[in-house]
Amino acid sequence: MKPTKQRRAPAERPQEILDAALAQFVETGFAGTRLDDVAKRAGLSKAAIYLYFDDKVSLFQGVIRQAIAANLTTVETMLAQHRGPVAGLLPHILEFMAGRIEDTPMPSIAKLVIAESRAFPEIGRFYLKEVIGRGLPLLEGLIARGIEQGEFRKVDPAMTVRSIMGAMLLGGLWRTVFEPIGAEKLDVRALARHHADLILHGLQSGQEAPS
């Protein structure tokens, strides 16, 4: 007798589709990805994808929500639960982001958005709103809180956060663009710790920055 193929519950299918789509987008890019290929990878029919996603753009948006935007909830929780001086929280946030860069497909998605948003501006606008538009204000609020509490000197929170994020963007691009063509491996967690130290010493308001 042939083994009976295990039926998957309908509730599992969106996750299976997103997992397959993520792998396909990373492999072939947004422009090169066909829904037929995603369906084949997920072991489903193309019609099954349309039960959950309207088109390739909405599928890519779902991938962004799963791969990146969900991490923002973790940062939101870290900020909401933290009490006391905020300077010690910044290194933890950067190390969390470094872990996402090293251990998840997050940088590959960011690379795809950078590479293809000119031809497909709708995916760039979505990333800008759902990822950057949520993430930057969170960190700006953290810097502003540090200023209010006298931990940090008076700086522009928006410009400070963009300076902070520059190092993490470099880490993601280094791993997805330069390492595959022979660049030495970058320890993104070490970069995060080093960058946090530089930032905190630059922000300090007359006292020692936390080590």
Protein backbone atom coordinates (compact mmCIF):
# COMPACT_ATOMS: atom_id res chain seq x y z
CA MET A 1 0.00 0.00 0.00
CA LYS A 2 1.12 3.53 -0.72
CA PRO A 3 1.67 5.68 2.37
CA THR A 4 -1.19 8.10 2.82
CA LYS A 5 -0.09 11.70 2.43
CA GLN A 6 -0.76 13.58 5.62
CA ARG A 7 -3.33 16.29 5.17
CA ARG A 8 -2.39 19.71 6.43
CA ALA A 9 -4.89 21.75 8.35
CA PRO A 10 -6.08 24.87 6.51
CA ALA A 11 -4.83 26.98 9.42
CA GLU A 12 -1.27 25.82 8.67
CA ARG A 13 -1.34 26.76 5.01
CA PRO A 14 -0.68 30.53 5.26
CA GLN A 15 2.49 29.80 7.27
CA GLU A 16 3.59 27.17 4.76
CA ILE A 17 2.98 29.58 1.91
CA LEU A 18 4.95 32.36 3.66
CA ASP A 19 7.85 30.02 4.39
CA ALA A 20 7.97 28.90 0.77
CA ALA A 21 7.62 32.47 -0.50
CA LEU A 22 10.45 33.69 1.70
CA ALA A 23 12.79 31.00 0.38
CA GLN A 24 11.72 31.71 -3.21
CA PHE A 25 12.06 35.50 -2.93
CA VAL A 26 15.54 35.14 -1.42
CA GLU A 27 16.55 32.72 -4.19
CA THR A 28 15.11 34.47 -7.24
CA GLY A 29 14.26 38.02 -6.14
CA PHE A 30 10.88 39.70 -6.28
CA ALA A 31 10.78 40.17 -10.04
CA GLY A 32 11.95 36.61 -10.69
CA THR A 33 9.52 34.91 -8.33
CA ARG A 34 6.40 33.30 -9.81
CA LEU A 35 3.46 32.21 -7.71
CA ASP A 36 3.66 28.84 -9.49
CA ASP A 37 7.14 28.37 -8.01
CA VAL A 38 5.95 29.34 -4.53
CA ALA A 39 3.02 26.93 -4.79
CA LYS A 40 5.29 24.09 -5.92
CA ARG A 41 7.69 24.81 -3.07
CA ALA A 42 4.83 24.81 -0.55
CA GLY A 43 3.35 21.61 -1.98
CA LEU A 44 0.08 23.39 -2.75
CA SER A 45 -1.80 24.51 -5.81
CA LYS A 46 -1.47 28.05 -7.11
CA ALA A 47 -5.19 28.44 -6.43
CA ALA A 48 -4.51 27.75 -2.75
CA ILE A 49 -2.25 30.80 -2.56
CA TYR A 50 -5.05 33.01 -3.85
CA LEU A 51 -7.23 31.89 -0.96
CA TYR A 52 -4.91 33.81 1.39
CA PHE A 53 -3.07 36.38 -0.74
CA ASP A 54 -4.41 38.58 -3.52
CA ASP A 55 -1.22 38.69 -5.60
CA LYS A 56 2.57 38.56 -5.42
CA VAL A 57 2.78 42.00 -3.79
CA SER A 58 0.47 41.03 -0.94
CA LEU A 59 2.42 37.79 -0.54
CA PHE A 60 5.68 39.72 -0.24
CA GLN A 61 4.02 42.04 2.27
CA GLY A 62 3.08 38.97 4.29
CA VAL A 63 6.70 37.83 4.20
CA ILE A 64 7.83 41.24 5.47
CA ARG A 65 5.35 41.10 8.33
CA GLN A 66 6.53 37.64 9.31
CA ALA A 67 10.27 38.07 8.81
CA ILE A 68 10.81 41.59 10.10
CA ALA A 69 7.84 43.51 11.38
CA ALA A 70 7.06 40.85 14.00
CA ASN A 71 10.45 41.58 15.61
CA LEU A 72 9.26 45.10 16.34
CA THR A 73 6.73 43.67 18.76
CA THR A 74 9.62 42.24 20.76
CA VAL A 75 11.31 45.65 20.88
CA GLU A 76 8.02 47.29 21.87
CA THR A 77 7.72 44.82 24.73
CA MET A 78 11.31 45.46 25.84
CA LEU A 79 10.62 49.19 25.96
CA ALA A 80 7.28 48.84 27.72
CA GLN A 81 8.62 46.55 30.43
CA HIS A 82 11.85 48.43 31.10
CA ARG A 83 12.07 50.53 34.24
CA GLY A 84 14.83 52.83 35.42
CA PRO A 85 17.76 54.23 33.39
CA VAL A 86 17.34 53.68 29.69
CA ALA A 87 21.02 53.73 28.71
CA GLY A 88 21.45 50.09 29.64
CA LEU A 89 18.60 49.06 27.35
CA LEU A 90 20.15 50.36 24.13
CA PRO A 91 22.90 47.68 23.94
CA HIS A 92 20.28 44.96 24.48
CA ILE A 93 18.16 46.29 21.62
CA LEU A 94 21.16 46.47 19.28
CA GLU A 95 22.26 42.96 20.24
CA PHE A 96 18.74 41.68 19.61
CA MET A 97 18.82 43.28 16.16
CA ALA A 98 22.26 41.80 15.51
CA GLY A 99 20.89 38.37 16.36
CA ARG A 100 18.07 38.84 13.86
CA ILE A 101 20.66 39.83 11.24
CA GLU A 102 22.87 36.82 11.92
CA ASP A 103 20.26 34.14 12.59
CA THR A 104 17.23 34.97 10.43
CA PRO A 105 16.48 35.94 6.80
CA MET A 106 15.74 39.54 7.88
CA PRO A 107 18.74 41.08 6.04
CA SER A 108 17.88 39.23 2.84
CA ILE A 109 14.41 40.78 2.87
CA ALA A 110 15.86 44.25 3.48
CA LYS A 111 18.29 43.69 0.60
CA LEU A 112 15.39 42.70 -1.67
CA VAL A 113 13.47 45.86 -0.77
CA ILE A 114 16.53 48.01 -1.48
CA ALA A 115 17.20 46.27 -4.78
CA GLU A 116 13.66 46.17 -6.14
CA SER A 117 11.67 49.05 -4.68
CA ARG A 118 12.58 51.34 -7.56
CA ALA A 119 10.91 48.98 -10.02
CA PHE A 120 8.20 47.99 -7.53
CA PRO A 121 7.65 51.08 -5.35
CA GLU A 122 4.66 49.52 -3.62
CA ILE A 123 6.94 47.09 -1.72
CA GLY A 124 9.27 49.94 -0.76
CA ARG A 125 6.37 52.02 0.53
CA PHE A 126 5.06 49.07 2.53
CA TYR A 127 8.47 48.48 4.13
CA LEU A 128 8.81 52.17 4.86
CA LYS A 129 5.46 52.21 6.65
CA GLU A 130 5.44 48.84 8.43
CA VAL A 131 9.10 48.49 9.37
CA ILE A 132 10.91 51.82 9.27
CA GLY A 133 7.82 53.82 10.17
CA ARG A 134 7.30 51.69 13.29
CA GLY A 135 10.90 51.08 14.27
CA LEU A 136 12.41 54.56 14.16
CA PRO A 137 9.83 56.20 16.46
CA LEU A 138 10.38 53.44 19.05
CA LEU A 139 14.08 54.21 19.30
CA GLU A 140 13.53 57.95 19.04
CA GLY A 141 11.27 57.68 22.06
CA LEU A 142 14.00 55.82 23.94
CA ILE A 143 16.57 58.54 23.20
CA ALA A 144 14.08 61.26 24.15
CA ARG A 145 13.39 59.49 27.44
CA GLY A 146 17.12 59.36 28.19
CA ILE A 147 17.37 63.10 27.56
CA GLU A 148 14.39 63.84 29.81
CA GLN A 149 15.89 61.75 32.62
CA GLY A 150 19.23 63.52 32.36
CA GLU A 151 21.12 60.44 31.18
CA PHE A 152 21.81 61.81 27.72
CA ARG A 153 22.84 65.24 26.59
CA LYS A 154 20.45 67.17 24.37
CA VAL A 155 20.67 65.74 20.89
CA ASP A 156 18.27 65.33 17.99
CA PRO A 157 16.61 61.93 18.67
CA ALA A 158 15.72 61.37 15.01
CA MET A 159 19.26 61.98 13.76
CA THR A 160 20.70 59.92 16.63
CA VAL A 161 18.54 56.91 15.79
CA ARG A 162 19.48 57.10 12.12
CA SER A 163 23.14 57.11 13.16
CA ILE A 164 22.52 54.07 15.35
CA MET A 165 20.73 52.18 12.59
CA GLY A 166 23.48 52.87 10.07
CA ALA A 167 25.75 50.27 11.67
CA MET A 168 23.01 47.63 11.66
CA LEU A 169 22.22 48.34 8.02
CA LEU A 170 25.90 47.88 7.20
CA GLY A 171 25.89 44.59 9.10
CA GLY A 172 22.94 43.30 7.08
CA LEU A 173 24.36 44.39 3.74
CA TRP A 174 27.78 43.00 4.59
CA ARG A 175 26.34 39.56 5.29
CA THR A 176 24.04 39.45 2.25
CA VAL A 177 26.10 41.30 -0.37
CA PHE A 178 29.81 41.18 0.46
CA GLU A 179 30.33 37.92 2.37
CA PRO A 180 28.85 35.83 -0.49
CA ILE A 181 31.50 37.29 -2.84
CA GLY A 182 34.45 36.63 -0.56
CA ALA A 183 34.55 39.36 2.10
CA GLU A 184 35.68 38.31 5.56
CA LYS A 185 32.90 37.27 7.92
CA LEU A 186 31.53 40.08 10.07
CA ASP A 187 30.57 39.41 13.68
CA VAL A 188 27.42 41.53 13.75
CA ARG A 189 26.86 40.98 17.47
CA ALA A 190 30.37 42.31 18.19
CA LEU A 191 29.64 45.25 15.89
CA ALA A 192 26.44 45.95 17.84
CA ARG A 193 28.26 45.93 21.18
CA HIS A 194 31.02 48.18 19.88
CA HIS A 195 28.58 50.58 18.28
CA ALA A 196 26.46 50.75 21.44
CA ASP A 197 29.58 51.65 23.43
CA LEU A 198 30.46 54.46 21.00
CA ILE A 199 26.90 55.79 20.95
CA LEU A 200 26.50 55.76 24.73
CA HIS A 201 29.78 57.56 25.30
CA GLY A 202 28.73 60.12 22.71
CA LEU A 203 25.37 60.58 24.43
CA GLN A 204 26.53 60.64 28.03
CA SER A 205 25.60 63.68 30.07
CA GLY A 206 28.56 64.20 32.34
CA GLN A 207 28.73 60.67 33.72
CA GLU A 208 30.27 57.37 32.77
CA ALA A 209 28.43 55.43 30.11
CA PRO A 210 27.35 51.94 31.15
CA SER A 211 29.76 49.18 30.17
